[in-house]
Amino acid sequence: MRKRDGRREHLVHFYEDDGLLIDRLGEFMATGLKAGDAALIIATAEHRAGLDERLRALGWDVDEATATGQFLAVDAAGTLARIVVDGAPDEGRFRDVVGELLGRVGGGGPTRVFGEMVGLLLSAGNAPATIRLEELWNQLLAERSLSLFCAYPMRRLGGHQLAEPVAAACRQHDRIVPAESYPRDESPRGRLSAIVALQQQASSLQAEVAERSAMETGLRPGEAGVGGEGAELGRLARMGARLNST
């Protein structure tokens, strides 16, 4: 998926610290508000409150922006409940619900959206619904002048079973902002060190899989093949390369 123009972009931020998420989200929304864009926030109560405080600290009158239709904040879980049917996002409901929210803010002009519904779905382990919702957002982005900021909490995404869903979520976005533990050092050494660390994790995990396979089959560790599991683990290294390109 490619960025279509300056007002259509789909970015994702994996975060470890809520405060830093709010800082970056505040800058994202404040930049849009300054340019005359509308702002639609679909977030948890905690993040809605944090963003409200951050925007006020940046000099924005959130109450006035809300009254004039430039700013709208709604609950992520409540909005998600209106969209999901039998555990999966329904396209018709998505278009009705999100279309109604967009109609209440911005008057159809350029709009910046913060969407936390995907983060709730993946944190709950519902990977298929997460990717489907990202796809529905991308369909909408092809039709409307939107910049969409998604967020996923890294502390809820541990475990090998979520490695592929996280990678699939990344593929749905134009730009990836890695979590804070990824070094912001712009030097080649800093970036390469981070990639080497990812490769080391992949190598360690592959060795663990081989050893476990050997124990289960009665073979010596050096004779055990890892098959598809080893290939899956290689995705850590490929993810490092993708982060290096951001």
C-alpha atoms as a PDB file:
ATOM      1  CA  MET A   1       0.000   0.000   0.000  1.00  0.00           C
ATOM      2  CA  ARG A   2       1.425   3.357  -0.958  1.00  0.00           C
ATOM      3  CA  LYS A   3       0.865   6.805   0.404  1.00  0.00           C
ATOM      4  CA  ARG A   4      -1.583   8.502  -1.951  1.00  0.00           C
ATOM      5  CA  ASP A   5      -0.970  12.151  -1.080  1.00  0.00           C
ATOM      6  CA  GLY A   6      -0.085  14.370   1.862  1.00  0.00           C
ATOM      7  CA  ARG A   7      -3.539  14.046   3.395  1.00  0.00           C
ATOM      8  CA  ARG A   8      -3.866  10.263   3.097  1.00  0.00           C
ATOM      9  CA  GLU A   9      -1.579   8.220   5.267  1.00  0.00           C
ATOM     10  CA  HIS A  10      -1.933   5.164   7.506  1.00  0.00           C
ATOM     11  CA  LEU A  11       0.679   4.962  10.235  1.00  0.00           C
ATOM     12  CA  VAL A  12       1.042   2.621  13.198  1.00  0.00           C
ATOM     13  CA  HIS A  13       2.793   3.233  16.504  1.00  0.00           C
ATOM     14  CA  PHE A  14       3.803   0.357  18.771  1.00  0.00           C
ATOM     15  CA  TYR A  15       4.218   1.819  22.230  1.00  0.00           C
ATOM     16  CA  GLU A  16       5.533   0.778  25.622  1.00  0.00           C
ATOM     17  CA  ASP A  17       4.974   4.012  27.523  1.00  0.00           C
ATOM     18  CA  ASP A  18       1.536   5.658  27.506  1.00  0.00           C
ATOM     19  CA  GLY A  19       3.022   9.068  28.200  1.00  0.00           C
ATOM     20  CA  LEU A  20       5.212   8.979  25.098  1.00  0.00           C
ATOM     21  CA  LEU A  21       2.261   7.771  23.026  1.00  0.00           C
ATOM     22  CA  ILE A  22       0.240  10.767  24.190  1.00  0.00           C
ATOM     23  CA  ASP A  23       3.123  13.138  23.405  1.00  0.00           C
ATOM     24  CA  ARG A  24       3.421  11.850  19.838  1.00  0.00           C
ATOM     25  CA  LEU A  25      -0.313  11.713  19.341  1.00  0.00           C
ATOM     26  CA  GLY A  26      -0.638  15.258  20.675  1.00  0.00           C
ATOM     27  CA  GLU A  27       1.931  16.508  18.165  1.00  0.00           C
ATOM     28  CA  PHE A  28       0.191  14.616  15.353  1.00  0.00           C
ATOM     29  CA  MET A  29      -3.208  16.103  16.180  1.00  0.00           C
ATOM     30  CA  ALA A  30      -1.937  19.599  16.964  1.00  0.00           C
ATOM     31  CA  THR A  31      -0.182  19.757  13.586  1.00  0.00           C
ATOM     32  CA  GLY A  32      -3.426  18.810  11.872  1.00  0.00           C
ATOM     33  CA  LEU A  33      -5.544  21.251  13.858  1.00  0.00           C
ATOM     34  CA  LYS A  34      -3.123  24.050  13.035  1.00  0.00           C
ATOM     35  CA  ALA A  35      -3.492  23.207   9.330  1.00  0.00           C
ATOM     36  CA  GLY A  36      -7.275  23.335   9.638  1.00  0.00           C
ATOM     37  CA  ASP A  37      -7.830  19.583   9.664  1.00  0.00           C
ATOM     38  CA  ALA A  38     -10.497  18.023  11.829  1.00  0.00           C
ATOM     39  CA  ALA A  39      -9.613  15.487  14.524  1.00  0.00           C
ATOM     40  CA  LEU A  40     -11.513  12.281  15.325  1.00  0.00           C
ATOM     41  CA  ILE A  41     -10.339  10.348  18.381  1.00  0.00           C
ATOM     42  CA  ILE A  42     -11.515   6.754  18.920  1.00  0.00           C
ATOM     43  CA  ALA A  43      -9.674   5.816  22.095  1.00  0.00           C
ATOM     44  CA  THR A  44      -9.823   4.505  25.645  1.00  0.00           C
ATOM     45  CA  ALA A  45     -10.931   6.836  28.425  1.00  0.00           C
ATOM     46  CA  GLU A  46      -7.366   7.053  29.732  1.00  0.00           C
ATOM     47  CA  HIS A  47      -5.945   8.079  26.377  1.00  0.00           C
ATOM     48  CA  ARG A  48      -8.778  10.505  25.640  1.00  0.00           C
ATOM     49  CA  ALA A  49      -8.079  12.258  28.929  1.00  0.00           C
ATOM     50  CA  GLY A  50      -4.329  12.260  28.308  1.00  0.00           C
ATOM     51  CA  LEU A  51      -4.708  13.709  24.816  1.00  0.00           C
ATOM     52  CA  ASP A  52      -7.118  16.375  26.069  1.00  0.00           C
ATOM     53  CA  GLU A  53      -4.540  17.462  28.663  1.00  0.00           C
ATOM     54  CA  ARG A  54      -1.704  17.382  26.142  1.00  0.00           C
ATOM     55  CA  LEU A  55      -3.546  19.476  23.554  1.00  0.00           C
ATOM     56  CA  ARG A  56      -4.466  22.061  26.173  1.00  0.00           C
ATOM     57  CA  ALA A  57      -0.798  22.222  27.213  1.00  0.00           C
ATOM     58  CA  LEU A  58       0.046  22.896  23.562  1.00  0.00           C
ATOM     59  CA  GLY A  59      -2.364  25.836  23.589  1.00  0.00           C
ATOM     60  CA  TRP A  60      -5.462  24.333  21.992  1.00  0.00           C
ATOM     61  CA  ASP A  61      -8.947  25.079  23.295  1.00  0.00           C
ATOM     62  CA  VAL A  62     -10.410  21.578  23.058  1.00  0.00           C
ATOM     63  CA  ASP A  63     -13.856  22.722  24.188  1.00  0.00           C
ATOM     64  CA  GLU A  64     -14.071  25.309  21.416  1.00  0.00           C
ATOM     65  CA  ALA A  65     -12.755  22.864  18.816  1.00  0.00           C
ATOM     66  CA  THR A  66     -15.424  20.378  19.906  1.00  0.00           C
ATOM     67  CA  ALA A  67     -18.164  22.994  19.796  1.00  0.00           C
ATOM     68  CA  THR A  68     -17.214  24.087  16.275  1.00  0.00           C
ATOM     69  CA  GLY A  69     -17.071  20.511  14.967  1.00  0.00           C
ATOM     70  CA  GLN A  70     -13.318  20.399  14.483  1.00  0.00           C
ATOM     71  CA  PHE A  71     -12.704  17.866  17.265  1.00  0.00           C
ATOM     72  CA  LEU A  72     -14.585  14.753  18.377  1.00  0.00           C
ATOM     73  CA  ALA A  73     -13.532  12.106  20.910  1.00  0.00           C
ATOM     74  CA  VAL A  74     -15.443   8.829  21.427  1.00  0.00           C
ATOM     75  CA  ASP A  75     -14.846   5.578  23.306  1.00  0.00           C
ATOM     76  CA  ALA A  76     -12.948   2.855  21.432  1.00  0.00           C
ATOM     77  CA  ALA A  77     -14.603  -0.138  23.113  1.00  0.00           C
ATOM     78  CA  GLY A  78     -18.087   1.300  22.693  1.00  0.00           C
ATOM     79  CA  THR A  79     -17.479   2.112  19.044  1.00  0.00           C
ATOM     80  CA  LEU A  80     -16.004  -1.338  18.432  1.00  0.00           C
ATOM     81  CA  ALA A  81     -19.100  -2.967  19.926  1.00  0.00           C
ATOM     82  CA  ARG A  82     -21.204  -1.194  17.290  1.00  0.00           C
ATOM     83  CA  ILE A  83     -19.023  -2.561  14.475  1.00  0.00           C
ATOM     84  CA  VAL A  84     -18.281  -6.167  15.440  1.00  0.00           C
ATOM     85  CA  VAL A  85     -20.724  -8.987  14.645  1.00  0.00           C
ATOM     86  CA  ASP A  86     -19.953 -12.538  15.788  1.00  0.00           C
ATOM     87  CA  GLY A  87     -16.375 -11.589  16.636  1.00  0.00           C
ATOM     88  CA  ALA A  88     -15.564  -9.892  13.332  1.00  0.00           C
ATOM     89  CA  PRO A  89     -15.946  -6.331  11.991  1.00  0.00           C
ATOM     90  CA  ASP A  90     -18.958  -6.017   9.714  1.00  0.00           C
ATOM     91  CA  GLU A  91     -18.236  -3.866   6.661  1.00  0.00           C
ATOM     92  CA  GLY A  92     -21.712  -2.342   6.543  1.00  0.00           C
ATOM     93  CA  ARG A  93     -21.654  -1.433  10.218  1.00  0.00           C
ATOM     94  CA  PHE A  94     -18.125  -0.089   9.952  1.00  0.00           C
ATOM     95  CA  ARG A  95     -19.086   2.234   7.145  1.00  0.00           C
ATOM     96  CA  ASP A  96     -22.248   3.351   8.919  1.00  0.00           C
ATOM     97  CA  VAL A  97     -20.634   3.955  12.299  1.00  0.00           C
ATOM     98  CA  VAL A  98     -17.366   5.506  11.131  1.00  0.00           C
ATOM     99  CA  GLY A  99     -19.149   7.438   8.403  1.00  0.00           C
ATOM    100  CA  GLU A 100     -21.507   8.905  11.007  1.00  0.00           C
ATOM    101  CA  LEU A 101     -18.571   9.924  13.219  1.00  0.00           C
ATOM    102  CA  LEU A 102     -16.707  11.509  10.322  1.00  0.00           C
ATOM    103  CA  GLY A 103     -19.890  13.316   9.375  1.00  0.00           C
ATOM    104  CA  ARG A 104     -20.000  14.877  12.813  1.00  0.00           C
ATOM    105  CA  VAL A 105     -16.496  16.285  12.531  1.00  0.00           C
ATOM    106  CA  GLY A 106     -14.766  18.210   9.791  1.00  0.00           C
ATOM    107  CA  GLY A 107     -17.635  18.508   7.351  1.00  0.00           C
ATOM    108  CA  GLY A 108     -16.010  16.046   4.933  1.00  0.00           C
ATOM    109  CA  GLY A 109     -12.698  17.902   4.759  1.00  0.00           C
ATOM    110  CA  PRO A 110      -9.224  16.606   5.674  1.00  0.00           C
ATOM    111  CA  THR A 111      -9.403  14.713   8.955  1.00  0.00           C
ATOM    112  CA  ARG A 112      -6.837  13.196  11.285  1.00  0.00           C
ATOM    113  CA  VAL A 113      -8.042  10.044  13.026  1.00  0.00           C
ATOM    114  CA  PHE A 114      -6.622   8.228  16.011  1.00  0.00           C
ATOM    115  CA  GLY A 115      -7.931   4.652  16.073  1.00  0.00           C
ATOM    116  CA  GLU A 116      -7.389   2.376  19.048  1.00  0.00           C
ATOM    117  CA  MET A 117      -9.957  -0.294  18.140  1.00  0.00           C
ATOM    118  CA  VAL A 118      -7.376  -2.450  16.346  1.00  0.00           C
ATOM    119  CA  GLY A 119      -5.162  -2.385  19.421  1.00  0.00           C
ATOM    120  CA  LEU A 120      -8.028  -3.624  21.569  1.00  0.00           C
ATOM    121  CA  LEU A 121      -8.759  -6.474  19.169  1.00  0.00           C
ATOM    122  CA  LEU A 122      -5.174  -7.699  18.894  1.00  0.00           C
ATOM    123  CA  SER A 123      -4.596  -7.357  22.644  1.00  0.00           C
ATOM    124  CA  ALA A 124      -7.589  -9.660  23.104  1.00  0.00           C
ATOM    125  CA  GLY A 125      -5.976 -12.195  20.755  1.00  0.00           C
ATOM    126  CA  ASN A 126      -8.431 -11.698  17.886  1.00  0.00           C
ATOM    127  CA  ALA A 127      -5.894 -11.425  15.063  1.00  0.00           C
ATOM    128  CA  PRO A 128      -8.268 -12.073  12.109  1.00  0.00           C
ATOM    129  CA  ALA A 129     -10.629  -9.326  13.278  1.00  0.00           C
ATOM    130  CA  THR A 130      -7.684  -6.964  13.743  1.00  0.00           C
ATOM    131  CA  ILE A 131      -6.434  -7.390  10.185  1.00  0.00           C
ATOM    132  CA  ARG A 132      -9.953  -7.175   8.786  1.00  0.00           C
ATOM    133  CA  LEU A 133     -10.520  -3.867  10.569  1.00  0.00           C
ATOM    134  CA  GLU A 134      -7.215  -2.534   9.215  1.00  0.00           C
ATOM    135  CA  GLU A 135      -8.353  -3.551   5.721  1.00  0.00           C
ATOM    136  CA  LEU A 136     -11.637  -1.706   6.159  1.00  0.00           C
ATOM    137  CA  TRP A 137      -9.769   1.410   7.238  1.00  0.00           C
ATOM    138  CA  ASN A 138      -7.569   1.154   4.134  1.00  0.00           C
ATOM    139  CA  GLN A 139     -10.639   0.935   1.924  1.00  0.00           C
ATOM    140  CA  LEU A 140     -11.930   4.114   3.541  1.00  0.00           C
ATOM    141  CA  LEU A 141      -8.572   5.824   3.154  1.00  0.00           C
ATOM    142  CA  ALA A 142      -8.762   5.200  -0.593  1.00  0.00           C
ATOM    143  CA  GLU A 143     -12.014   7.157  -0.706  1.00  0.00           C
ATOM    144  CA  ARG A 144     -11.603   9.988   1.789  1.00  0.00           C
ATOM    145  CA  SER A 145      -9.016  12.571   2.791  1.00  0.00           C
ATOM    146  CA  LEU A 146      -7.866  10.975   6.034  1.00  0.00           C
ATOM    147  CA  SER A 147      -4.638  10.527   7.967  1.00  0.00           C
ATOM    148  CA  LEU A 148      -5.004   7.560  10.319  1.00  0.00           C
ATOM    149  CA  PHE A 149      -2.842   6.984  13.396  1.00  0.00           C
ATOM    150  CA  CYS A 150      -3.181   3.470  14.878  1.00  0.00           C
ATOM    151  CA  ALA A 151      -1.674   2.305  18.174  1.00  0.00           C
ATOM    152  CA  TYR A 152      -0.792  -1.108  19.591  1.00  0.00           C
ATOM    153  CA  PRO A 153       0.464  -1.663  23.176  1.00  0.00           C
ATOM    154  CA  MET A 154       3.615  -3.806  23.057  1.00  0.00           C
ATOM    155  CA  ARG A 155       3.083  -5.043  26.627  1.00  0.00           C
ATOM    156  CA  ARG A 156      -0.022  -6.890  25.440  1.00  0.00           C
ATOM    157  CA  LEU A 157       1.572  -8.384  22.328  1.00  0.00           C
ATOM    158  CA  GLY A 158       4.077 -10.843  23.743  1.00  0.00           C
ATOM    159  CA  GLY A 159       4.258 -14.496  22.748  1.00  0.00           C
ATOM    160  CA  HIS A 160       5.242 -16.325  19.568  1.00  0.00           C
ATOM    161  CA  GLN A 161       1.575 -16.772  18.599  1.00  0.00           C
ATOM    162  CA  LEU A 162       1.276 -13.023  17.949  1.00  0.00           C
ATOM    163  CA  ALA A 163       4.470 -12.690  15.861  1.00  0.00           C
ATOM    164  CA  GLU A 164       2.724 -13.179  12.524  1.00  0.00           C
ATOM    165  CA  PRO A 165      -0.358 -11.066  13.431  1.00  0.00           C
ATOM    166  CA  VAL A 166       1.933  -8.175  14.408  1.00  0.00           C
ATOM    167  CA  ALA A 167       3.836  -8.540  11.123  1.00  0.00           C
ATOM    168  CA  ALA A 168       0.525  -8.676   9.225  1.00  0.00           C
ATOM    169  CA  ALA A 169      -0.634  -5.505  10.977  1.00  0.00           C
ATOM    170  CA  CYS A 170       2.586  -3.779   9.937  1.00  0.00           C
ATOM    171  CA  ARG A 171       1.936  -4.696   6.310  1.00  0.00           C
ATOM    172  CA  GLN A 172      -1.362  -2.801   6.434  1.00  0.00           C
ATOM    173  CA  HIS A 173       0.366   0.526   7.112  1.00  0.00           C
ATOM    174  CA  ASP A 174       2.317   3.107   5.140  1.00  0.00           C
ATOM    175  CA  ARG A 175       4.619   3.945   8.036  1.00  0.00           C
ATOM    176  CA  ILE A 176       5.697   2.073  11.163  1.00  0.00           C
ATOM    177  CA  VAL A 177       6.799   3.786  14.369  1.00  0.00           C
ATOM    178  CA  PRO A 178       8.532   1.170  16.554  1.00  0.00           C
ATOM    179  CA  ALA A 179       8.271   1.108  20.336  1.00  0.00           C
ATOM    180  CA  GLU A 180      10.531   3.242  22.491  1.00  0.00           C
ATOM    181  CA  SER A 181      13.040   0.437  23.097  1.00  0.00           C
ATOM    182  CA  TYR A 182      14.040   0.645  19.423  1.00  0.00           C
ATOM    183  CA  PRO A 183      16.917   3.180  19.444  1.00  0.00           C
ATOM    184  CA  ARG A 184      16.262   6.587  17.901  1.00  0.00           C
ATOM    185  CA  ASP A 185      19.975   6.797  17.086  1.00  0.00           C
ATOM    186  CA  GLU A 186      20.019   7.803  13.420  1.00  0.00           C
ATOM    187  CA  SER A 187      23.594   6.599  12.907  1.00  0.00           C
ATOM    188  CA  PRO A 188      24.205   3.424  10.894  1.00  0.00           C
ATOM    189  CA  ARG A 189      25.801   1.885  13.984  1.00  0.00           C
ATOM    190  CA  GLY A 190      22.677   2.496  16.086  1.00  0.00           C
ATOM    191  CA  ARG A 191      20.331   1.022  13.530  1.00  0.00           C
ATOM    192  CA  LEU A 192      22.572  -1.951  12.781  1.00  0.00           C
ATOM    193  CA  SER A 193      22.924  -2.704  16.489  1.00  0.00           C
ATOM    194  CA  ALA A 194      19.153  -2.903  16.806  1.00  0.00           C
ATOM    195  CA  ILE A 195      18.913  -5.206  13.803  1.00  0.00           C
ATOM    196  CA  VAL A 196      21.692  -7.432  15.142  1.00  0.00           C
ATOM    197  CA  ALA A 197      19.786  -7.698  18.418  1.00  0.00           C
ATOM    198  CA  LEU A 198      16.710  -8.856  16.517  1.00  0.00           C
ATOM    199  CA  GLN A 199      18.795 -11.368  14.583  1.00  0.00           C
ATOM    200  CA  GLN A 200      20.248 -12.643  17.838  1.00  0.00           C
ATOM    201  CA  GLN A 201      16.748 -13.169  19.204  1.00  0.00           C
ATOM    202  CA  ALA A 202      15.822 -15.065  16.046  1.00  0.00           C
ATOM    203  CA  SER A 203      18.927 -17.226  16.313  1.00  0.00           C
ATOM    204  CA  SER A 204      18.313 -17.975  19.979  1.00  0.00           C
ATOM    205  CA  LEU A 205      14.718 -18.896  19.379  1.00  0.00           C
ATOM    206  CA  GLN A 206      15.663 -21.108  16.453  1.00  0.00           C
ATOM    207  CA  ALA A 207      18.161 -22.963  18.637  1.00  0.00           C
ATOM    208  CA  GLU A 208      15.497 -23.446  21.293  1.00  0.00           C
ATOM    209  CA  VAL A 209      13.109 -24.883  18.719  1.00  0.00           C
ATOM    210  CA  ALA A 210      15.790 -27.268  17.436  1.00  0.00           C
ATOM    211  CA  GLU A 211      16.655 -28.452  20.940  1.00  0.00           C
ATOM    212  CA  ARG A 212      13.017 -28.994  21.840  1.00  0.00           C
ATOM    213  CA  SER A 213      12.445 -30.875  18.583  1.00  0.00           C
ATOM    214  CA  ALA A 214      15.453 -33.083  19.317  1.00  0.00           C
ATOM    215  CA  MET A 215      14.153 -33.921  22.778  1.00  0.00           C
ATOM    216  CA  GLU A 216      10.741 -34.782  21.390  1.00  0.00           C
ATOM    217  CA  THR A 217      12.060 -37.021  18.596  1.00  0.00           C
ATOM    218  CA  GLY A 218      14.994 -38.570  20.441  1.00  0.00           C
ATOM    219  CA  LEU A 219      17.525 -37.083  18.047  1.00  0.00           C
ATOM    220  CA  ARG A 220      20.684 -35.211  18.984  1.00  0.00           C
ATOM    221  CA  PRO A 221      20.209 -31.397  18.802  1.00  0.00           C
ATOM    222  CA  GLY A 222      22.478 -31.128  15.775  1.00  0.00           C
ATOM    223  CA  GLU A 223      20.388 -33.681  13.852  1.00  0.00           C
ATOM    224  CA  ALA A 224      16.994 -32.124  14.500  1.00  0.00           C
ATOM    225  CA  GLY A 225      15.474 -29.988  11.784  1.00  0.00           C
ATOM    226  CA  VAL A 226      13.331 -26.976  12.604  1.00  0.00           C
ATOM    227  CA  GLY A 227      11.301 -26.965   9.380  1.00  0.00           C
ATOM    228  CA  GLY A 228       8.627 -24.330   9.138  1.00  0.00           C
ATOM    229  CA  GLU A 229       9.119 -23.174  12.710  1.00  0.00           C
ATOM    230  CA  GLY A 230      12.637 -21.998  11.951  1.00  0.00           C
ATOM    231  CA  ALA A 231      11.419 -20.089   8.919  1.00  0.00           C
ATOM    232  CA  GLU A 232       8.798 -18.378  11.036  1.00  0.00           C
ATOM    233  CA  LEU A 233      11.427 -17.210  13.488  1.00  0.00           C
ATOM    234  CA  GLY A 234      13.379 -15.580  10.672  1.00  0.00           C
ATOM    235  CA  ARG A 235      10.647 -12.968  10.527  1.00  0.00           C
ATOM    236  CA  LEU A 236      12.277 -11.174  13.442  1.00  0.00           C
ATOM    237  CA  ALA A 237      15.254 -10.379  11.254  1.00  0.00           C
ATOM    238  CA  ARG A 238      13.027  -9.300   8.374  1.00  0.00           C
ATOM    239  CA  MET A 239      11.112  -7.042  10.746  1.00  0.00           C
ATOM    240  CA  GLY A 240      14.413  -5.444  11.703  1.00  0.00           C
ATOM    241  CA  ALA A 241      15.119  -4.691   8.076  1.00  0.00           C
ATOM    242  CA  ARG A 242      11.666  -3.146   7.679  1.00  0.00           C
ATOM    243  CA  LEU A 243      12.194  -0.947  10.732  1.00  0.00           C
ATOM    244  CA  ASN A 244      15.512   0.133   9.301  1.00  0.00           C
ATOM    245  CA  SER A 245      13.712   1.527   6.264  1.00  0.00           C
ATOM    246  CA  THR A 246      11.353   3.740   8.317  1.00  0.00           C
END
